[in-house]
């Protein structure tokens, strides 16, 4: 079996707005079935990232994108349906079936999963991993890794488009 292709990109955000802007660019060109695995400490910007993603997916502004810490999965209509999953409170894999996690991970739309390290072994082979780290009150370090040929080619197009922008 050949290894799954990967591509990595490092991004430094100086503000929550820059984090949202990057995610909005990603959302603008997101494809059906995309899974984004978000990891990082509390306050690292995972929800800000999903807010930008929602904007890029044309989720209407009247939908307020907040972390689904207690509902576990929020769903937003847009160009592609956005599923925002928060696994912070999930203790074991039995809960995954109960909340319908596998259905949204392997279904249509775009699925953004906060605290994705809790399901690392259950993520689809093709996904985008976003590791976020806090640098200071406003700044964040993001390490994006595309897994699988479709995700690799897609992320390369995004990165190349960023380099061409003045």
N, C-alpha and C. Protein backbone atom coordinates (compact mmCIF):
# COMPACT_ATOMS: atom_id res chain seq x y z
N UNK A 1 0.85 -1.17 0.00
CA UNK A 1 0.00 0.00 0.00
C UNK A 1 0.89 1.24 0.00
N UNK A 2 0.62 2.17 -0.90
CA UNK A 2 1.44 3.38 -0.98
C UNK A 2 1.00 4.37 0.10
N UNK A 3 1.95 5.20 0.54
CA UNK A 3 1.60 6.16 1.58
C UNK A 3 0.62 7.22 1.06
N UNK A 4 -0.18 7.76 1.97
CA UNK A 4 -1.14 8.79 1.61
C UNK A 4 -0.37 10.09 1.38
N UNK A 5 -0.58 10.75 0.22
CA UNK A 5 0.13 12.01 -0.04
C UNK A 5 -0.23 13.07 1.01
N UNK A 6 0.77 13.88 1.35
CA UNK A 6 0.57 14.96 2.33
C UNK A 6 1.23 16.23 1.82
N UNK A 7 0.69 17.36 2.26
CA UNK A 7 1.28 18.66 1.96
C UNK A 7 1.07 19.54 3.18
N UNK A 8 2.12 20.25 3.59
CA UNK A 8 2.03 21.07 4.79
C UNK A 8 2.27 22.53 4.47
N UNK A 9 1.58 23.38 5.24
CA UNK A 9 1.67 24.82 5.08
C UNK A 9 1.63 25.47 6.46
N UNK A 10 2.54 26.39 6.69
CA UNK A 10 2.63 27.09 7.97
C UNK A 10 2.11 28.51 7.81
N UNK A 11 1.29 28.96 8.75
CA UNK A 11 0.69 30.29 8.67
C UNK A 11 0.75 30.95 10.03
N UNK A 12 1.13 32.23 10.06
CA UNK A 12 1.15 33.00 11.29
C UNK A 12 0.05 34.05 11.20
N UNK A 13 -0.86 34.03 12.15
CA UNK A 13 -1.97 34.98 12.20
C UNK A 13 -1.68 35.99 13.31
N UNK A 14 -1.85 37.26 12.97
CA UNK A 14 -1.61 38.31 13.97
C UNK A 14 -2.87 38.75 14.68
N UNK A 15 -4.03 38.17 14.30
CA UNK A 15 -5.29 38.58 14.92
C UNK A 15 -6.38 37.55 14.61
N UNK A 16 -7.47 37.57 15.39
CA UNK A 16 -8.60 36.70 15.05
C UNK A 16 -9.13 36.98 13.65
N UNK A 17 -9.05 38.23 13.20
CA UNK A 17 -9.52 38.58 11.86
C UNK A 17 -8.69 37.88 10.79
N UNK A 18 -7.37 37.83 10.99
CA UNK A 18 -6.51 37.13 10.02
C UNK A 18 -6.81 35.63 10.01
N UNK A 19 -7.11 35.08 11.19
CA UNK A 19 -7.48 33.66 11.27
C UNK A 19 -8.77 33.43 10.49
N UNK A 20 -9.76 34.30 10.70
CA UNK A 20 -11.02 34.17 9.97
C UNK A 20 -10.80 34.36 8.47
N UNK A 21 -9.93 35.31 8.08
CA UNK A 21 -9.66 35.55 6.66
C UNK A 21 -9.07 34.31 5.98
N UNK A 22 -8.10 33.67 6.62
CA UNK A 22 -7.52 32.45 6.06
C UNK A 22 -8.59 31.38 5.88
N UNK A 23 -9.39 31.18 6.93
CA UNK A 23 -10.43 30.15 6.88
C UNK A 23 -11.49 30.49 5.83
N UNK A 24 -11.77 31.78 5.65
CA UNK A 24 -12.74 32.18 4.63
C UNK A 24 -12.22 31.81 3.24
N UNK A 25 -10.92 32.02 2.99
CA UNK A 25 -10.34 31.61 1.71
C UNK A 25 -10.49 30.11 1.51
N UNK A 26 -10.28 29.36 2.57
CA UNK A 26 -10.43 27.90 2.50
C UNK A 26 -11.88 27.54 2.19
N UNK A 27 -12.81 28.20 2.87
CA UNK A 27 -14.22 27.92 2.65
C UNK A 27 -14.70 28.27 1.25
N UNK A 28 -14.11 29.31 0.66
CA UNK A 28 -14.50 29.75 -0.67
C UNK A 28 -14.28 28.66 -1.71
N UNK A 29 -13.24 27.84 -1.50
CA UNK A 29 -12.91 26.79 -2.47
C UNK A 29 -13.09 25.38 -1.90
N UNK A 30 -13.78 25.29 -0.76
CA UNK A 30 -13.99 23.98 -0.12
C UNK A 30 -14.79 23.07 -1.05
N UNK A 31 -14.56 21.78 -0.92
CA UNK A 31 -15.25 20.80 -1.75
C UNK A 31 -16.15 19.91 -0.88
N UNK A 32 -17.16 19.35 -1.51
CA UNK A 32 -18.10 18.47 -0.83
C UNK A 32 -17.36 17.28 -0.23
N UNK A 33 -17.61 17.01 1.03
CA UNK A 33 -16.97 15.89 1.71
C UNK A 33 -15.70 16.28 2.45
N UNK A 34 -15.33 17.56 2.43
CA UNK A 34 -14.12 18.01 3.13
C UNK A 34 -14.31 17.90 4.64
N UNK A 35 -13.32 17.31 5.30
CA UNK A 35 -13.27 17.25 6.76
C UNK A 35 -12.06 18.05 7.21
N UNK A 36 -12.28 18.98 8.15
CA UNK A 36 -11.19 19.79 8.69
C UNK A 36 -11.07 19.44 10.16
N UNK A 37 -9.91 18.90 10.52
CA UNK A 37 -9.63 18.46 11.89
C UNK A 37 -8.85 19.56 12.60
N UNK A 38 -9.50 20.23 13.56
CA UNK A 38 -8.90 21.35 14.27
C UNK A 38 -8.40 20.90 15.64
N UNK A 39 -7.14 21.21 15.93
CA UNK A 39 -6.58 20.89 17.25
C UNK A 39 -5.87 22.13 17.80
N UNK A 40 -5.81 22.21 19.11
CA UNK A 40 -5.15 23.33 19.77
C UNK A 40 -5.77 23.55 21.13
N UNK A 41 -5.07 24.29 21.96
CA UNK A 41 -5.55 24.58 23.31
C UNK A 41 -6.80 25.43 23.29
N UNK A 42 -7.47 25.52 24.44
CA UNK A 42 -8.60 26.43 24.60
C UNK A 42 -8.13 27.84 24.25
N UNK A 43 -8.91 28.55 23.47
CA UNK A 43 -8.57 29.93 23.12
C UNK A 43 -7.58 30.07 21.98
N UNK A 44 -7.27 28.97 21.29
CA UNK A 44 -6.27 29.05 20.21
C UNK A 44 -6.85 29.54 18.89
N UNK A 45 -8.17 29.68 18.80
CA UNK A 45 -8.76 30.23 17.59
C UNK A 45 -9.55 29.25 16.74
N UNK A 46 -9.86 28.08 17.28
CA UNK A 46 -10.59 27.08 16.50
C UNK A 46 -11.96 27.58 16.06
N UNK A 47 -12.69 28.22 16.97
CA UNK A 47 -14.02 28.72 16.62
C UNK A 47 -13.93 29.89 15.66
N UNK A 48 -12.95 30.78 15.84
CA UNK A 48 -12.75 31.89 14.88
C UNK A 48 -12.48 31.32 13.50
N UNK A 49 -11.71 30.24 13.42
CA UNK A 49 -11.44 29.59 12.15
C UNK A 49 -12.76 29.12 11.51
N UNK A 50 -13.61 28.48 12.28
CA UNK A 50 -14.87 27.97 11.74
C UNK A 50 -15.78 29.13 11.33
N UNK A 51 -15.73 30.25 12.04
CA UNK A 51 -16.51 31.43 11.64
C UNK A 51 -16.08 31.91 10.25
N UNK A 52 -14.77 31.94 10.01
CA UNK A 52 -14.28 32.32 8.69
C UNK A 52 -14.67 31.31 7.63
N UNK A 53 -14.58 30.05 7.98
CA UNK A 53 -14.97 28.97 7.07
C UNK A 53 -16.43 29.15 6.66
N UNK A 54 -17.28 29.46 7.63
CA UNK A 54 -18.71 29.66 7.35
C UNK A 54 -18.90 30.82 6.37
N UNK A 55 -18.16 31.89 6.55
CA UNK A 55 -18.27 33.04 5.63
C UNK A 55 -17.88 32.61 4.21
N UNK A 56 -16.82 31.82 4.09
CA UNK A 56 -16.38 31.34 2.78
C UNK A 56 -17.36 30.38 2.13
N UNK A 57 -18.17 29.71 2.96
CA UNK A 57 -19.18 28.79 2.45
C UNK A 57 -20.52 29.49 2.22
N UNK A 58 -20.54 30.81 2.36
CA UNK A 58 -21.75 31.62 2.15
C UNK A 58 -22.87 31.29 3.12
N UNK A 59 -22.49 30.95 4.37
CA UNK A 59 -23.50 30.81 5.42
C UNK A 59 -24.02 32.22 5.69
N UNK A 60 -25.32 32.39 5.70
CA UNK A 60 -25.92 33.71 5.86
C UNK A 60 -25.52 34.33 7.20
N UNK A 61 -25.32 35.66 7.22
CA UNK A 61 -24.87 36.34 8.43
C UNK A 61 -25.83 36.21 9.61
N UNK A 62 -27.10 35.94 9.36
CA UNK A 62 -28.02 35.80 10.50
C UNK A 62 -27.77 34.53 11.31
N UNK A 63 -26.97 33.61 10.77
CA UNK A 63 -26.57 32.43 11.54
C UNK A 63 -25.31 32.79 12.32
N UNK A 64 -25.41 32.79 13.63
CA UNK A 64 -24.27 33.11 14.47
C UNK A 64 -23.50 31.81 14.72
N UNK A 65 -22.26 31.77 14.27
CA UNK A 65 -21.44 30.57 14.41
C UNK A 65 -20.75 30.61 15.76
N UNK A 66 -21.16 29.70 16.63
CA UNK A 66 -20.57 29.58 17.96
C UNK A 66 -20.14 28.13 18.16
N UNK A 67 -19.27 27.93 19.13
CA UNK A 67 -18.80 26.57 19.40
C UNK A 67 -19.94 25.72 19.97
N UNK A 68 -20.16 24.55 19.40
CA UNK A 68 -21.25 23.69 19.87
C UNK A 68 -20.83 22.81 21.06
N UNK A 69 -20.24 23.42 22.07
CA UNK A 69 -19.71 22.67 23.21
C UNK A 69 -20.78 21.82 23.87
N UNK A 70 -21.99 22.32 23.97
CA UNK A 70 -23.04 21.56 24.65
C UNK A 70 -23.98 20.84 23.69
N UNK A 71 -24.18 21.38 22.48
CA UNK A 71 -25.02 20.70 21.50
C UNK A 71 -24.21 19.67 20.72
N UNK A 72 -22.89 19.79 20.74
CA UNK A 72 -21.92 18.90 20.12
C UNK A 72 -21.80 19.06 18.60
N UNK A 73 -22.91 19.24 17.89
CA UNK A 73 -22.86 19.47 16.44
C UNK A 73 -23.83 20.58 16.09
N UNK A 74 -23.33 21.62 15.44
CA UNK A 74 -24.18 22.66 14.87
C UNK A 74 -24.13 22.50 13.36
N UNK A 75 -25.24 22.78 12.72
CA UNK A 75 -25.35 22.63 11.27
C UNK A 75 -25.80 23.97 10.68
N UNK A 76 -25.11 24.40 9.62
CA UNK A 76 -25.41 25.68 8.99
C UNK A 76 -25.58 25.48 7.48
N UNK A 77 -26.65 26.05 6.91
CA UNK A 77 -26.82 25.96 5.45
C UNK A 77 -25.96 27.01 4.76
N UNK A 78 -25.40 26.63 3.63
CA UNK A 78 -24.59 27.54 2.82
C UNK A 78 -24.42 26.94 1.43
N UNK A 79 -23.42 27.42 0.71
CA UNK A 79 -23.12 26.84 -0.61
C UNK A 79 -22.93 25.34 -0.46
N UNK A 80 -22.22 24.94 0.58
CA UNK A 80 -22.16 23.55 1.04
C UNK A 80 -22.59 23.59 2.51
N UNK A 81 -23.31 22.58 2.96
CA UNK A 81 -23.73 22.53 4.36
C UNK A 81 -22.49 22.42 5.26
N UNK A 82 -22.46 23.20 6.32
CA UNK A 82 -21.34 23.18 7.27
C UNK A 82 -21.79 22.50 8.55
N UNK A 83 -21.03 21.49 8.96
CA UNK A 83 -21.22 20.82 10.24
C UNK A 83 -20.07 21.23 11.13
N UNK A 84 -20.39 21.84 12.26
CA UNK A 84 -19.38 22.30 13.22
C UNK A 84 -19.50 21.39 14.44
N UNK A 85 -18.46 20.60 14.67
CA UNK A 85 -18.46 19.59 15.74
C UNK A 85 -17.48 20.02 16.82
N UNK A 86 -17.88 19.87 18.07
CA UNK A 86 -16.99 20.15 19.20
C UNK A 86 -16.95 18.91 20.09
N UNK A 87 -15.79 18.29 20.17
CA UNK A 87 -15.64 17.04 20.93
C UNK A 87 -15.05 17.26 22.33
N UNK A 88 -15.00 18.50 22.79
CA UNK A 88 -14.38 18.81 24.07
C UNK A 88 -14.99 18.00 25.22
N UNK A 89 -16.30 17.82 25.21
CA UNK A 89 -16.99 17.15 26.32
C UNK A 89 -17.19 15.65 26.09
N UNK A 90 -16.79 15.14 24.94
CA UNK A 90 -17.00 13.72 24.64
C UNK A 90 -15.93 12.88 25.35
N UNK A 91 -16.38 11.87 26.04
CA UNK A 91 -15.47 11.04 26.83
C UNK A 91 -15.04 9.76 26.11
N UNK A 92 -15.94 9.13 25.35
CA UNK A 92 -15.57 7.85 24.75
C UNK A 92 -16.22 7.68 23.38
N UNK A 93 -15.75 6.68 22.66
CA UNK A 93 -16.21 6.45 21.28
C UNK A 93 -17.67 6.04 21.19
N UNK A 94 -18.23 5.51 22.24
CA UNK A 94 -19.64 5.12 22.21
C UNK A 94 -20.49 6.36 21.93
N UNK A 95 -20.07 7.51 22.49
CA UNK A 95 -20.81 8.75 22.28
C UNK A 95 -20.81 9.18 20.81
N UNK A 96 -19.79 8.82 20.05
CA UNK A 96 -19.69 9.23 18.65
C UNK A 96 -20.88 8.76 17.84
N UNK A 97 -21.29 7.51 18.04
CA UNK A 97 -22.44 6.99 17.32
C UNK A 97 -23.71 7.71 17.75
N UNK A 98 -23.84 7.96 19.05
CA UNK A 98 -25.04 8.60 19.57
C UNK A 98 -25.25 10.00 19.02
N UNK A 99 -24.18 10.74 18.77
CA UNK A 99 -24.34 12.12 18.28
C UNK A 99 -24.35 12.20 16.76
N UNK A 100 -24.15 11.07 16.09
CA UNK A 100 -24.18 11.06 14.62
C UNK A 100 -22.89 11.55 14.00
N UNK A 101 -21.79 11.45 14.73
CA UNK A 101 -20.51 11.97 14.24
C UNK A 101 -20.05 11.27 12.96
N UNK A 102 -20.15 9.95 12.91
CA UNK A 102 -19.66 9.24 11.73
C UNK A 102 -20.44 9.61 10.48
N UNK A 103 -21.72 9.90 10.65
CA UNK A 103 -22.54 10.31 9.50
C UNK A 103 -22.04 11.63 8.90
N UNK A 104 -21.70 12.60 9.75
CA UNK A 104 -21.24 13.89 9.21
C UNK A 104 -19.79 13.82 8.74
N UNK A 105 -18.98 12.94 9.33
CA UNK A 105 -17.59 12.78 8.88
C UNK A 105 -17.51 12.17 7.50
N UNK A 106 -18.46 11.33 7.17
CA UNK A 106 -18.40 10.60 5.90
C UNK A 106 -19.56 10.96 4.98
N UNK A 107 -20.20 12.10 5.23
CA UNK A 107 -21.34 12.50 4.43
C UNK A 107 -21.02 13.66 3.51
N UNK A 108 -22.06 14.36 3.11
CA UNK A 108 -21.92 15.51 2.22
C UNK A 108 -21.72 16.77 3.05
N UNK A 109 -21.21 17.80 2.39
CA UNK A 109 -20.98 19.08 3.05
C UNK A 109 -19.54 19.19 3.52
N UNK A 110 -19.31 20.13 4.44
CA UNK A 110 -17.99 20.36 5.03
C UNK A 110 -18.14 20.14 6.52
N UNK A 111 -17.25 19.37 7.10
CA UNK A 111 -17.29 19.06 8.52
C UNK A 111 -16.03 19.60 9.20
N UNK A 112 -16.21 20.54 10.13
CA UNK A 112 -15.09 21.09 10.90
C UNK A 112 -15.19 20.55 12.32
N UNK A 113 -14.14 19.86 12.77
CA UNK A 113 -14.16 19.18 14.06
C UNK A 113 -13.15 19.81 15.01
N UNK A 114 -13.66 20.44 16.08
CA UNK A 114 -12.79 20.95 17.13
C UNK A 114 -12.44 19.80 18.08
N UNK A 115 -11.22 19.80 18.59
CA UNK A 115 -10.69 18.75 19.46
C UNK A 115 -10.62 17.43 18.69
N UNK A 116 -10.20 17.51 17.44
CA UNK A 116 -10.16 16.34 16.55
C UNK A 116 -9.17 15.28 16.99
N UNK A 117 -8.24 15.62 17.86
CA UNK A 117 -7.30 14.61 18.34
C UNK A 117 -8.03 13.46 19.04
N UNK A 118 -9.26 13.68 19.46
CA UNK A 118 -10.04 12.65 20.13
C UNK A 118 -10.56 11.59 19.17
N UNK A 119 -10.51 11.88 17.87
CA UNK A 119 -10.96 10.91 16.87
C UNK A 119 -9.90 10.69 15.79
N UNK A 120 -8.66 10.95 16.12
CA UNK A 120 -7.59 10.90 15.13
C UNK A 120 -7.61 9.62 14.30
N UNK A 121 -7.85 8.49 14.93
CA UNK A 121 -7.86 7.21 14.20
C UNK A 121 -9.11 7.02 13.35
N UNK A 122 -10.14 7.82 13.58
CA UNK A 122 -11.39 7.67 12.86
C UNK A 122 -11.59 8.72 11.77
N UNK A 123 -10.62 9.62 11.60
CA UNK A 123 -10.73 10.63 10.54
C UNK A 123 -10.62 9.96 9.17
N UNK A 124 -11.32 10.49 8.18
CA UNK A 124 -11.16 9.94 6.83
C UNK A 124 -9.71 10.12 6.36
N UNK A 125 -9.26 9.26 5.46
CA UNK A 125 -7.89 9.39 4.95
C UNK A 125 -7.67 10.75 4.31
N UNK A 126 -8.69 11.26 3.60
CA UNK A 126 -8.59 12.56 2.95
C UNK A 126 -9.18 13.61 3.89
N UNK A 127 -8.32 14.46 4.45
CA UNK A 127 -8.81 15.53 5.31
C UNK A 127 -7.74 16.62 5.43
N UNK A 128 -8.14 17.73 6.01
CA UNK A 128 -7.21 18.82 6.30
C UNK A 128 -7.08 18.92 7.82
N UNK A 129 -5.85 18.78 8.31
CA UNK A 129 -5.57 18.94 9.74
C UNK A 129 -5.04 20.35 9.97
N UNK A 130 -5.59 21.04 10.97
CA UNK A 130 -5.14 22.38 11.32
C UNK A 130 -4.76 22.39 12.79
N UNK A 131 -3.46 22.47 13.05
CA UNK A 131 -2.94 22.54 14.42
C UNK A 131 -2.72 24.00 14.76
N UNK A 132 -3.37 24.48 15.83
CA UNK A 132 -3.29 25.90 16.19
C UNK A 132 -2.58 26.05 17.54
N UNK A 133 -1.69 27.04 17.61
CA UNK A 133 -0.96 27.32 18.84
C UNK A 133 -1.04 28.80 19.16
N UNK A 134 -1.13 29.10 20.44
CA UNK A 134 -1.18 30.48 20.91
C UNK A 134 0.23 31.03 21.02
N UNK A 135 0.48 32.18 20.37
CA UNK A 135 1.78 32.85 20.48
C UNK A 135 1.72 33.98 21.51
N UNK A 136 0.64 34.78 21.47
CA UNK A 136 0.38 35.83 22.45
C UNK A 136 -1.10 36.12 22.43
N UNK A 137 -1.54 37.22 23.05
CA UNK A 137 -2.98 37.52 23.14
C UNK A 137 -3.69 37.49 21.80
N UNK A 138 -3.06 37.95 20.75
CA UNK A 138 -3.69 38.05 19.43
C UNK A 138 -3.15 37.07 18.40
N UNK A 139 -1.88 36.72 18.51
CA UNK A 139 -1.20 35.96 17.46
C UNK A 139 -1.32 34.45 17.64
N UNK A 140 -1.44 33.78 16.48
CA UNK A 140 -1.54 32.33 16.47
C UNK A 140 -0.63 31.75 15.40
N UNK A 141 -0.12 30.57 15.67
CA UNK A 141 0.65 29.81 14.70
C UNK A 141 -0.24 28.66 14.26
N UNK A 142 -0.39 28.50 12.93
CA UNK A 142 -1.21 27.43 12.39
C UNK A 142 -0.37 26.57 11.46
N UNK A 143 -0.50 25.30 11.63
CA UNK A 143 0.18 24.35 10.78
C UNK A 143 -0.89 23.52 10.11
N UNK A 144 -1.03 23.69 8.80
CA UNK A 144 -2.07 23.00 8.02
C UNK A 144 -1.44 21.84 7.28
N UNK A 145 -2.04 20.67 7.40
CA UNK A 145 -1.55 19.48 6.71
C UNK A 145 -2.71 18.84 5.95
N UNK A 146 -2.57 18.78 4.63
CA UNK A 146 -3.56 18.12 3.78
C UNK A 146 -3.18 16.65 3.66
N UNK A 147 -4.16 15.78 3.82
CA UNK A 147 -3.96 14.33 3.71
C UNK A 147 -4.78 13.82 2.53
N UNK A 148 -4.15 13.12 1.62
CA UNK A 148 -4.83 12.57 0.44
C UNK A 148 -4.65 13.48 -0.77
N UNK A 149 -4.58 12.87 -1.96
CA UNK A 149 -4.27 13.64 -3.17
C UNK A 149 -5.21 14.81 -3.42
N UNK A 150 -6.52 14.59 -3.27
CA UNK A 150 -7.47 15.67 -3.55
C UNK A 150 -7.23 16.84 -2.60
N UNK A 151 -7.05 16.56 -1.32
CA UNK A 151 -6.81 17.62 -0.33
C UNK A 151 -5.45 18.29 -0.56
N UNK A 152 -4.45 17.51 -0.94
CA UNK A 152 -3.11 18.07 -1.22
C UNK A 152 -3.19 19.06 -2.38
N UNK A 153 -3.78 18.65 -3.49
CA UNK A 153 -3.89 19.53 -4.65
C UNK A 153 -4.70 20.78 -4.33
N UNK A 154 -5.75 20.60 -3.59
CA UNK A 154 -6.63 21.70 -3.19
C UNK A 154 -5.87 22.71 -2.32
N UNK A 155 -5.15 22.25 -1.30
CA UNK A 155 -4.40 23.16 -0.42
C UNK A 155 -3.27 23.86 -1.18
N UNK A 156 -2.64 23.16 -2.09
CA UNK A 156 -1.59 23.79 -2.90
C UNK A 156 -2.16 24.94 -3.72
N UNK A 157 -3.37 24.77 -4.28
CA UNK A 157 -4.01 25.86 -5.04
C UNK A 157 -4.29 27.05 -4.13
N UNK A 158 -4.73 26.81 -2.91
CA UNK A 158 -4.99 27.89 -1.97
C UNK A 158 -3.70 28.65 -1.65
N UNK A 159 -2.64 27.90 -1.33
CA UNK A 159 -1.36 28.51 -0.97
C UNK A 159 -0.82 29.30 -2.14
N UNK A 160 -0.87 28.75 -3.34
CA UNK A 160 -0.38 29.46 -4.53
C UNK A 160 -1.19 30.72 -4.79
N UNK A 161 -2.48 30.67 -4.56
CA UNK A 161 -3.32 31.86 -4.71
C UNK A 161 -2.98 32.94 -3.70
N UNK A 162 -2.59 32.53 -2.49
CA UNK A 162 -2.19 33.51 -1.46
C UNK A 162 -0.89 34.20 -1.86
N UNK A 163 0.01 33.47 -2.46
CA UNK A 163 1.31 34.04 -2.86
C UNK A 163 1.16 35.03 -4.00
N UNK A 164 0.13 34.84 -4.83
CA UNK A 164 -0.08 35.72 -5.98
C UNK A 164 -0.81 36.99 -5.59
N UNK A 165 -1.48 36.98 -4.41
CA UNK A 165 -2.24 38.16 -3.96
C UNK A 165 -1.26 39.22 -3.46
N UNK A 166 -1.43 40.51 -3.89
CA UNK A 166 -0.50 41.55 -3.44
C UNK A 166 -0.61 41.82 -1.96
